[in-house]
Protein backbone atom coordinates (compact mmCIF):
# COMPACT_ATOMS: atom_id res chain seq x y z
CA GLN A 1 19.19 30.96 23.38
CA LEU A 2 15.38 31.45 23.41
CA ARG A 3 13.18 29.01 22.31
CA VAL A 4 10.31 29.51 19.79
CA ASP A 5 6.95 29.13 21.96
CA TRP A 6 4.88 28.42 18.92
CA ARG A 7 2.40 26.34 20.31
CA HIS A 8 0.77 29.68 21.91
CA SER A 9 1.77 31.62 19.28
CA GLY A 10 -1.23 31.69 17.11
CA LEU A 11 0.61 30.01 14.23
CA VAL A 12 -0.69 26.57 15.02
CA VAL A 13 -4.28 26.13 16.56
CA PRO A 14 -3.02 23.94 19.76
CA LYS A 15 -5.69 20.84 18.40
CA GLN A 16 -4.13 20.89 15.22
CA TYR A 17 -0.38 20.79 17.21
CA ARG A 18 -1.73 17.44 18.54
CA THR A 19 -2.99 15.82 15.61
CA THR A 20 -0.67 17.24 12.46
CA PHE A 21 2.63 15.86 13.61
CA LEU A 22 4.83 14.99 16.60
CA TRP A 23 7.20 17.35 17.87
CA MET A 24 10.55 15.35 18.02
CA PRO A 25 13.65 17.70 17.38
CA MET A 26 17.07 15.94 17.38
CA ASP A 27 18.69 17.84 19.81
CA ASP A 28 16.40 16.95 22.88
CA PRO A 29 15.47 13.27 22.24
CA TYR A 30 14.50 13.00 25.74
CA SER A 31 11.28 14.80 25.13
CA TRP A 32 10.10 12.28 22.83
CA LEU A 33 12.20 9.11 24.07
CA PRO A 34 9.58 6.74 23.43
CA THR A 35 9.31 7.56 19.86
CA ALA A 36 13.24 7.82 19.73
CA ILE A 37 13.40 4.17 20.93
CA VAL A 38 10.91 3.20 18.42
CA CYS A 39 12.75 4.80 15.74
CA GLY A 40 16.37 3.32 17.05
CA ALA A 41 14.54 -0.44 16.93
CA LEU A 42 13.43 0.64 13.56
CA VAL A 43 16.88 1.64 12.02
CA LEU A 44 18.14 -1.83 13.77
CA SER A 45 15.64 -4.05 12.43
CA THR A 46 16.17 -2.54 8.83
CA PHE A 47 19.70 -3.22 8.97
CA ALA A 48 19.14 -6.83 10.38
CA THR A 49 16.78 -7.07 7.60
CA MET A 50 18.98 -6.16 4.87
CA GLY A 51 22.29 -8.22 6.09
CA ASN A 52 19.93 -11.28 6.00
CA GLU A 53 18.32 -10.38 2.05
CA LEU A 54 21.94 -9.67 1.24
CA MET A 55 23.28 -13.17 2.52
CA GLU A 56 20.44 -14.80 0.68
CA ALA A 57 20.83 -12.77 -2.49
CA LEU A 58 24.50 -13.95 -2.42
CA SER A 59 24.02 -17.48 -1.78
CA ASN A 60 21.88 -17.84 -5.06
CA PHE A 61 21.36 -14.61 -6.70
CA ARG A 62 19.32 -15.92 -9.78
CA ARG A 63 17.07 -18.10 -7.50
CA TYR A 64 16.52 -14.64 -5.30
CA LEU A 65 15.15 -12.79 -7.98
CA THR A 66 12.40 -15.46 -9.24
CA SER A 67 10.74 -15.10 -5.72
CA PRO A 68 7.67 -13.07 -5.34
CA GLN A 69 8.37 -12.80 -1.77
CA ASN A 70 12.07 -11.70 -1.95
CA TRP A 71 10.63 -8.78 -4.11
CA TYR A 72 7.86 -8.16 -1.56
CA GLU A 73 10.44 -7.74 1.33
CA PHE A 74 12.63 -5.49 -0.87
CA LEU A 75 10.12 -3.32 -1.27
CA GLN A 76 9.34 -3.08 2.37
CA ILE A 77 13.13 -2.33 3.07
CA LYS A 78 12.98 0.64 0.54
CA LEU A 79 10.05 1.95 2.30
CA VAL A 80 11.80 1.63 5.76
CA ILE A 81 14.83 3.10 4.69
CA VAL A 82 12.71 6.08 2.93
CA MET A 83 10.90 6.43 6.35
CA VAL A 84 14.46 6.41 8.54
CA VAL A 85 15.60 9.17 6.45
CA LEU A 86 12.22 11.22 6.71
CA ILE A 87 12.40 10.81 10.42
CA PHE A 88 16.13 11.93 10.51
CA VAL A 89 15.44 14.98 8.34
CA ILE A 90 12.32 15.54 10.33
CA THR A 91 14.09 15.76 13.85
CA GLU A 92 17.01 17.86 12.28
CA GLN A 93 14.36 20.29 10.80
CA GLN A 94 12.31 20.37 14.20
CA ALA A 95 15.67 21.25 15.68
CA VAL A 96 16.36 23.99 13.89
CA ILE A 97 12.65 25.65 14.28
CA GLY A 98 13.63 25.00 18.21
CA ARG A 99 16.56 26.98 18.17
CA SER A 100 14.95 29.78 16.17
CA LYS A 101 14.41 33.29 17.69
CA LYS A 102 10.97 34.14 19.54
CA ASP A 103 10.33 37.17 17.43
CA GLY A 104 11.27 35.47 14.04
CA PHE A 105 8.69 34.06 11.62
CA VAL A 106 8.26 30.18 11.78
CA ASP A 107 7.42 28.17 8.51
CA PHE A 108 5.90 25.19 9.54
CA ASP A 109 5.12 23.99 5.66
CA TRP A 110 8.14 22.28 5.17
CA VAL A 111 7.81 20.14 8.29
CA TRP A 112 4.15 19.44 7.76
CA ASN A 113 4.80 18.15 4.32
CA LEU A 114 7.77 15.77 5.47
CA ASN A 115 5.15 14.60 8.22
CA TYR A 116 2.50 13.87 5.47
CA THR A 117 5.04 12.06 3.31
CA LEU A 118 6.07 10.22 6.64
CA LYS A 119 2.66 9.41 7.43
CA LEU A 120 1.86 7.97 3.72
CA CYS A 121 4.84 5.62 3.90
CA PHE A 122 3.78 4.34 7.09
CA CYS A 123 0.47 3.59 5.71
CA VAL A 124 1.86 1.61 2.72
CA MET A 125 4.04 -0.27 5.04
CA LEU A 126 1.34 -1.36 7.62
CA ALA A 127 -0.93 -2.48 4.25
CA LEU A 128 2.14 -4.38 3.03
CA GLN A 129 2.86 -5.98 6.66
CA SER A 130 -0.86 -6.97 6.95
CA SER A 131 -0.74 -8.79 3.54
CA LYS A 132 2.73 -10.26 4.44
CA ALA A 133 0.50 -12.44 6.98
CA ILE A 134 -0.31 -14.82 3.69
CA PHE A 135 3.75 -15.34 3.35
CA ILE A 136 3.84 -16.32 7.21
CA LEU A 137 0.58 -18.39 7.35
CA ARG A 138 1.69 -20.35 4.48
CA LEU A 139 4.22 -22.53 6.38
CA LEU A 140 1.51 -23.54 9.13
CA PRO A 141 0.07 -27.14 8.55
CA SER A 142 -3.35 -26.35 9.19
CA VAL A 143 -3.72 -23.39 6.81
CA GLY A 144 -0.40 -23.49 4.79
CA PRO A 145 -1.96 -25.01 1.74
CA SER A 146 -4.69 -22.80 1.48
CA MET A 147 -2.60 -19.86 2.02
CA GLN A 148 -0.31 -21.45 -0.88
CA ALA A 149 -3.21 -21.35 -3.34
CA VAL A 150 -3.98 -17.92 -2.28
CA GLY A 151 -0.44 -16.74 -2.84
CA HIS A 152 -0.01 -18.28 -6.30
CA VAL A 153 -3.52 -16.98 -7.40
CA LEU A 154 -2.57 -13.36 -6.17
CA PHE A 155 0.53 -13.65 -8.63
CA ASP A 156 -1.28 -15.59 -11.40
CA LYS A 157 -0.70 -14.37 -14.79
CA THR A 158 -4.11 -15.10 -16.23
CA VAL A 159 -5.79 -13.32 -13.15
CA TRP A 160 -3.33 -10.21 -14.04
CA GLY A 161 -3.84 -10.36 -17.85
CA PHE A 162 -7.75 -10.00 -16.80
CA ILE A 163 -7.25 -7.29 -14.82
CA ALA A 164 -5.43 -5.36 -17.35
CA PHE A 165 -8.18 -5.98 -19.71
CA LEU A 166 -10.94 -4.93 -17.03
CA MET A 167 -8.79 -1.61 -16.49
CA TYR A 168 -8.57 -0.81 -20.05
CA MET A 169 -12.36 -1.42 -20.38
CA LEU A 170 -13.03 0.92 -17.34
CA ALA A 171 -10.68 3.62 -18.69
CA GLY A 172 -12.65 3.73 -22.18
CA LEU A 173 -15.85 3.62 -20.36
CA ALA A 174 -14.66 6.27 -17.94
CA LEU A 175 -13.67 8.75 -20.70
CA SER A 176 -17.12 8.35 -22.13
CA LEU A 177 -18.73 9.16 -18.84
CA TYR A 178 -16.34 12.20 -18.66
CA ILE A 179 -17.03 13.74 -22.11
CA TYR A 180 -20.78 13.39 -21.42
CA TYR A 181 -21.28 14.37 -17.89
CA GLY A 182 -17.88 16.18 -17.21
CA SER A 183 -19.70 19.61 -17.72
CA THR A 184 -22.87 19.08 -15.49
CA SER A 185 -21.97 16.60 -12.85
CA ALA A 186 -19.71 16.75 -9.99
CA ALA A 187 -18.78 13.06 -9.76
CA HIS A 188 -17.39 13.19 -13.45
CA SER A 189 -15.76 16.62 -13.26
CA HIS A 190 -12.31 14.79 -13.59
CA PRO A 191 -11.34 12.01 -15.70
CA GLY A 192 -10.25 10.05 -12.40
CA MET A 193 -13.42 10.85 -10.83
CA SER A 194 -15.17 9.42 -13.71
CA MET A 195 -12.61 6.56 -13.63
CA MET A 196 -13.91 5.88 -9.96
CA THR A 197 -17.40 5.59 -10.95
CA ALA A 198 -16.71 3.28 -13.84
CA TYR A 199 -14.61 0.88 -11.08
CA ARG A 200 -17.57 1.03 -8.87
CA PHE A 201 -20.03 -0.63 -11.53
CA VAL A 202 -17.62 -3.94 -11.21
CA TRP A 203 -18.93 -4.35 -7.90
CA GLY A 204 -22.41 -3.15 -8.22
CA ASP A 205 -21.98 0.38 -6.48
CA TRP A 206 -23.54 2.82 -8.76
CA ASP A 207 -25.30 6.28 -8.18
CA ILE A 208 -28.30 5.84 -10.82
CA GLU A 209 -29.94 9.26 -10.04
CA GLU A 210 -26.53 11.08 -11.37
CA LEU A 211 -26.80 8.92 -14.71
CA THR A 212 -30.06 9.27 -15.31
CA GLU A 213 -29.98 13.28 -14.90
CA GLY A 214 -28.78 12.70 -18.86
CA GLY A 215 -32.08 11.92 -19.98
CA LEU A 216 -32.97 9.10 -22.09
CA PHE A 217 -29.49 8.38 -23.11
CA GLY A 218 -28.24 8.32 -19.42
CA THR A 219 -30.92 5.94 -18.86
CA PHE A 220 -29.59 3.57 -21.48
CA LEU A 221 -25.97 4.19 -20.46
CA PHE A 222 -26.80 3.04 -16.92
CA LEU A 223 -28.41 0.01 -18.43
CA ALA A 224 -25.54 -0.66 -20.54
CA LEU A 225 -22.68 -0.34 -17.89
CA SER A 226 -24.86 -2.39 -15.48
CA LEU A 227 -25.21 -5.00 -18.20
CA LEU A 228 -21.41 -5.16 -19.56
CA VAL A 229 -19.43 -3.95 -16.53
CA THR A 230 -21.46 -5.57 -13.18
CA GLY A 231 -23.18 -8.27 -15.07
CA THR A 232 -20.81 -9.52 -17.24
CA LEU A 233 -17.07 -8.35 -16.63
CA GLY A 234 -17.48 -8.08 -12.66
CA ASN A 235 -18.68 -11.66 -12.58
CA ILE A 236 -16.36 -13.21 -15.02
CA PHE A 237 -13.50 -11.88 -12.89
CA ILE A 238 -15.11 -13.44 -9.67
CA ALA A 239 -15.60 -16.58 -11.62
CA LEU A 240 -11.83 -16.47 -12.75
CA VAL A 241 -10.52 -16.10 -9.38
CA GLY A 242 -12.36 -19.08 -8.15
CA GLU A 243 -11.18 -21.27 -10.84
CA ARG A 244 -7.90 -20.30 -10.55
CA TYR A 245 -8.13 -20.90 -6.87
CA GLN A 246 -9.52 -24.26 -7.21
CA ASP A 247 -7.25 -25.44 -9.60
CA ARG A 248 -4.07 -24.11 -7.29
CA VAL A 249 -5.65 -25.80 -3.85
CA GLN A 250 -5.74 -29.14 -5.49
CA ARG A 251 -2.06 -28.73 -6.07
CA SER A 252 -1.02 -27.11 -2.84
CA ASP A 253 -0.37 -29.86 -0.75
CA VAL A 254 2.62 -30.71 -2.78
CA ASP A 255 3.82 -27.14 -3.07
CA TRP A 256 3.33 -26.55 0.66
CA VAL A 257 5.79 -29.81 1.27
CA ALA A 258 8.10 -28.57 -1.05
CA GLU A 259 8.72 -25.16 0.35
CA VAL A 260 8.80 -26.63 3.77
CA ASP A 261 11.31 -29.01 2.67
CA GLU A 262 13.39 -26.15 0.60
CA ILE A 263 13.24 -23.97 4.02
CA LEU A 264 14.59 -26.86 6.20
CA TRP A 265 17.16 -27.97 3.90
CA LYS A 266 18.22 -24.23 3.65
CA TRP A 267 18.81 -23.64 7.32
CA HIS A 268 19.72 -27.60 8.65
CA GLY A 269 21.61 -28.91 5.93
CA HIS A 270 21.01 -31.73 2.99
CA GLY A 271 19.78 -34.22 5.17
CA PHE A 272 16.03 -33.05 4.20
CA ARG A 273 16.77 -33.50 0.38
């Protein structure tokens, strides 16, 4: 049976082959052995994590649902399962391509789309794993109380309520920018791009040249946005987060002791109660 030598067929440029996706056919795992080992470890760790989470949920399901960390880990488990399924489908599809005839047309679009989705899942997973440092560092005595305060601020209802109000205001301002500049400016040719421009005002990152192209009204609009969004809403958000953090950090020592006590009680018995 002839194998498809698609690397030199002209269908895929060699440079694109190296950077677009990894060649890992299901019927030839030795050709991608290091990656296969990593994939196997990923599958085993997924089952181990699922078993641990299942045991914790069965012990006290109501309490399990009220913990933000459990929801965070549940999201990670779902992502890992999707990644494992994608890897399996990609390897099987590449094995089918490898068994194709040399003179037949080989369509890599399906494999490329699957690999793009897999890369997106990996991107989100690494971002979530980096943020998980907050859950890990909160147990250390030196930085634990501060991490406790940071975690509480991230899930604070007051903070998220103001974020919702801020997004509502930005959505309205973005639509006004889109209506006025949509036909003349590439930066506002789509409502999503106008939303990004309005969001940049929160942090003082604006493009004054494009706004002032609207003449006197454009200059007035820039002054209004810089005063309302940057000078007022952005600073209120920073002040609110700082105020909530100061309030939480004063109680973080008690929260840290209570959480460490609960973990020790969970794993080592009732002697810590």
